Protein backbone atom coordinates (compact mmCIF):
# COMPACT_ATOMS: atom_id res chain seq x y z
CA MET A 1 87.57 140.24 175.13
CA TRP A 2 88.93 143.13 172.94
CA THR A 3 86.44 145.30 171.12
CA ALA A 4 86.75 145.85 167.24
CA ARG A 5 88.20 149.45 167.87
CA GLU A 6 90.84 148.18 170.28
CA ARG A 7 91.95 145.68 167.71
CA PHE A 8 92.05 148.10 164.96
CA ALA A 9 94.03 150.67 167.16
CA ALA A 10 96.41 147.93 168.21
CA VAL A 11 97.32 146.86 164.55
CA LEU A 12 97.63 150.38 163.32
CA ALA A 13 99.80 151.02 166.34
CA GLY A 14 102.00 148.14 165.38
CA GLU A 15 100.86 145.88 168.48
CA VAL A 16 99.42 142.40 168.20
CA PRO A 17 95.62 142.24 169.18
CA ASP A 18 94.27 139.44 170.73
CA ARG A 19 93.47 137.63 167.14
CA PRO A 20 93.75 138.90 163.36
CA LEU A 21 91.30 141.10 162.19
CA VAL A 22 88.28 140.18 160.43
CA THR A 23 86.51 142.14 157.44
CA ALA A 24 85.54 141.45 153.83
CA TRP A 25 84.27 143.65 151.14
CA GLY A 26 82.61 143.56 147.48
CA HIS A 27 80.05 145.50 145.65
CA ASN A 28 76.54 145.45 146.23
CA ARG A 29 75.36 146.76 142.83
CA ALA A 30 71.70 147.01 143.58
CA ASP A 31 72.03 149.46 146.63
CA GLU A 32 75.20 151.55 145.60
CA TYR A 33 73.40 154.65 143.93
CA PRO A 34 72.02 157.61 145.88
CA GLY A 35 68.70 156.68 147.63
CA GLY A 36 69.82 153.06 148.10
CA PRO A 37 70.12 151.02 151.40
CA LEU A 38 74.10 150.59 150.86
CA ALA A 39 74.82 151.94 154.37
CA ALA A 40 72.29 149.98 156.05
CA TRP A 41 73.57 146.70 154.22
CA THR A 42 76.97 147.47 154.76
CA ALA A 43 76.50 147.88 158.58
CA GLU A 44 73.96 144.95 158.91
CA THR A 45 76.69 142.77 156.94
CA ALA A 46 79.55 143.76 159.54
CA ARG A 47 77.17 143.00 162.51
CA ARG A 48 76.28 139.56 160.92
CA TRP A 49 79.83 138.43 160.31
CA ASP A 50 81.41 140.16 163.21
CA TRP A 51 83.78 142.44 161.11
CA ASP A 52 86.60 144.26 163.10
CA TRP A 53 86.46 147.20 160.42
CA ILE A 54 84.37 148.24 157.59
CA LYS A 55 85.61 148.93 154.25
CA VAL A 56 83.06 151.09 152.58
CA ASN A 57 82.68 150.00 149.01
CA PRO A 58 81.08 152.69 147.01
CA ARG A 59 80.46 152.24 143.38
CA ALA A 60 83.48 152.03 141.40
CA THR A 61 82.52 155.00 138.85
CA TYR A 62 82.23 157.54 141.36
CA TYR A 63 85.39 158.96 140.99
CA GLY A 64 84.73 159.43 137.06
CA GLU A 65 81.23 161.02 137.81
CA ILE A 66 82.84 163.71 139.86
CA TRP A 67 84.29 165.41 136.60
CA GLY A 68 81.64 164.23 134.16
CA ASN A 69 81.85 160.47 132.97
CA THR A 70 78.53 159.12 132.71
CA TYR A 71 77.24 155.40 133.04
CA ARG A 72 73.82 153.46 132.37
CA ARG A 73 72.79 152.65 135.84
CA GLY A 74 72.31 149.04 136.64
CA ASP A 75 73.76 147.82 133.35
CA TYR A 76 76.76 145.95 134.46
CA GLU A 77 77.53 143.03 132.34
CA GLN A 78 79.81 141.04 134.24
CA ARG A 79 82.12 143.67 135.66
CA ASP A 80 81.80 146.27 138.90
CA ILE A 81 81.60 149.19 136.45
CA PRO A 82 78.24 149.88 134.68
CA ARG A 83 78.17 150.68 131.03
CA GLN A 84 80.04 153.53 130.26
CA LEU A 85 77.88 156.18 128.24
CA SER A 86 80.49 159.21 128.03
CA VAL A 87 83.84 160.40 129.37
CA ALA A 88 85.17 163.63 130.72
CA VAL A 89 88.49 163.62 128.84
CA ASP A 90 88.20 162.67 125.35
CA THR A 91 91.04 164.51 124.08
CA VAL A 92 94.21 166.12 125.55
CA ALA A 93 92.58 169.43 125.67
CA ASP A 94 89.61 168.02 127.89
CA LEU A 95 92.54 167.76 130.52
CA ASP A 96 91.93 171.47 131.31
CA ARG A 97 88.66 170.95 132.24
CA ILE A 98 89.63 168.66 135.21
CA GLY A 99 90.14 171.25 138.03
CA VAL A 100 89.77 170.88 141.84
CA ALA A 101 86.18 169.60 142.54
CA THR A 102 84.42 171.86 145.03
CA GLY A 103 80.80 171.28 145.85
CA SER A 104 80.58 167.94 144.21
CA ASP A 105 77.12 166.30 144.63
CA VAL A 106 78.96 163.02 144.12
CA LEU A 107 81.40 163.79 146.93
CA GLU A 108 78.67 164.83 149.22
CA GLU A 109 77.00 161.45 148.60
CA GLN A 110 79.93 159.76 149.86
CA VAL A 111 80.37 161.82 152.78
CA ARG A 112 76.87 161.30 153.77
CA LEU A 113 77.54 157.53 153.02
CA ILE A 114 80.30 157.31 155.36
CA GLY A 115 78.30 159.36 158.18
CA ASP A 116 75.51 156.71 157.64
CA VAL A 117 77.58 153.80 158.22
CA HIS A 118 79.15 155.26 161.12
CA ALA A 119 75.81 155.87 162.64
CA LEU A 120 74.66 152.32 161.91
CA ALA A 121 77.74 150.60 163.30
CA PRO A 122 79.43 153.16 165.81
CA ASP A 123 81.61 150.54 167.55
CA VAL A 124 83.24 149.39 164.28
CA PRO A 125 86.12 151.28 162.43
CA VAL A 126 84.92 152.61 159.20
CA VAL A 127 87.40 153.01 156.22
CA GLN A 128 86.52 154.67 152.79
CA THR A 129 87.64 153.64 149.55
CA LEU A 130 89.67 156.22 147.78
CA PHE A 131 91.46 155.31 144.32
CA SER A 132 94.82 157.23 143.42
CA PRO A 133 94.61 160.06 141.33
CA LEU A 134 96.31 158.22 138.40
CA SER A 135 93.54 155.45 138.77
CA ALA A 136 90.93 158.48 138.48
CA LEU A 137 92.54 159.93 135.54
CA ILE A 138 92.70 156.81 133.67
CA GLN A 139 88.59 156.41 134.20
CA LEU A 140 88.10 159.90 133.35
CA ALA A 141 89.87 159.25 130.02
CA GLY A 142 87.69 155.90 129.46
CA LEU A 143 90.42 153.73 129.59
CA SER A 144 90.10 150.10 131.18
CA TYR A 145 91.55 149.25 134.45
CA TYR A 146 91.49 145.61 133.52
CA PRO A 147 94.47 144.20 131.47
CA GLY A 148 93.18 142.55 128.33
CA LYS A 149 89.60 143.54 128.78
CA PRO A 150 87.96 146.55 126.95
CA VAL A 151 85.91 149.32 128.69
CA PHE A 152 82.08 148.19 128.80
CA GLY A 153 80.43 150.64 126.79
CA ALA A 154 81.82 153.65 125.04
CA GLY A 155 85.58 154.37 125.60
CA GLY A 156 87.49 157.40 125.04
CA ARG A 157 89.50 158.23 122.20
CA LEU A 158 92.67 158.48 123.96
CA THR A 159 95.22 155.89 124.44
CA LEU A 160 97.16 155.54 127.73
CA GLU A 161 100.52 156.71 126.00
CA ALA A 162 98.74 159.69 124.40
CA LEU A 163 97.21 160.72 127.99
CA PHE A 164 100.77 160.78 129.32
CA THR A 165 102.97 162.16 126.35
CA GLU A 166 100.94 164.21 124.43
CA ASP A 167 100.84 167.27 126.96
CA PRO A 168 102.71 166.02 129.94
CA ALA A 169 101.93 169.58 131.76
CA ALA A 170 98.32 169.14 131.31
CA THR A 171 98.43 165.73 132.44
CA HIS A 172 100.23 166.92 135.60
CA ARG A 173 97.93 169.70 136.40
CA ALA A 174 94.87 167.48 135.76
CA LEU A 175 96.55 164.76 138.27
CA ARG A 176 97.31 167.72 140.58
CA ASN A 177 93.58 169.14 140.78
CA ILE A 178 92.60 165.43 141.40
CA THR A 179 94.91 165.08 144.21
CA ASP A 180 93.92 168.23 145.76
CA THR A 181 90.28 167.24 145.31
CA PHE A 182 90.82 163.97 147.29
CA VAL A 183 93.05 165.74 150.00
CA GLY A 184 89.96 168.29 150.74
CA ASP A 185 87.74 165.42 150.67
CA VAL A 186 89.63 163.25 153.28
CA GLU A 187 89.27 165.89 155.87
CA ARG A 188 85.29 165.85 155.20
CA LEU A 189 85.23 162.19 155.44
CA ARG A 190 87.15 162.13 158.70
CA ALA A 191 84.77 164.64 160.04
CA ALA A 192 81.86 162.35 158.89
CA GLY A 193 83.23 159.07 161.00
CA ALA A 194 85.84 157.61 158.62
CA ASP A 195 88.83 156.05 160.84
CA GLY A 196 90.77 155.61 157.61
CA ILE A 197 91.23 155.29 154.04
CA PHE A 198 91.76 152.35 151.79
């Protein structure tokens, strides 16, 4: 019988494993904040359902939190993103505040989460969720990911069009800095035990 790591490696190598890989994911809102048991819950769920790989599902706001978005913890309404209290990019001029994030407590928390999940489920490949820089910038501007659904809480003043057309050079710099932040973080996630990025 194949192990989870053998199946995962076979698929990545373009080979056919003994059976399709099994996994699932979703948000565990009660446990997704620092100090919560998200790592233990994730590893236990993987064991219970005999998953072949784990997609760690951190809170959906952590990308915005890196640069200063704030949210009301535990106030979720019907979505996976809690009530937004403030945004980092409220005007085009705010784009210049989006630098390469080094020493971010939020990123450190995610590295620890990956390390904890890996330690609790060492035989199951662990994959971290990482949004695109474009998604992160949209979140930083307080814009909705969900077509037809407004942001829950305080939205930003920028429209999507203004974010990308009023100062394209500033938008590009912000996207570059977000990208560089994520690229640097991927190496740290790998060192902590991540087998891939989703």
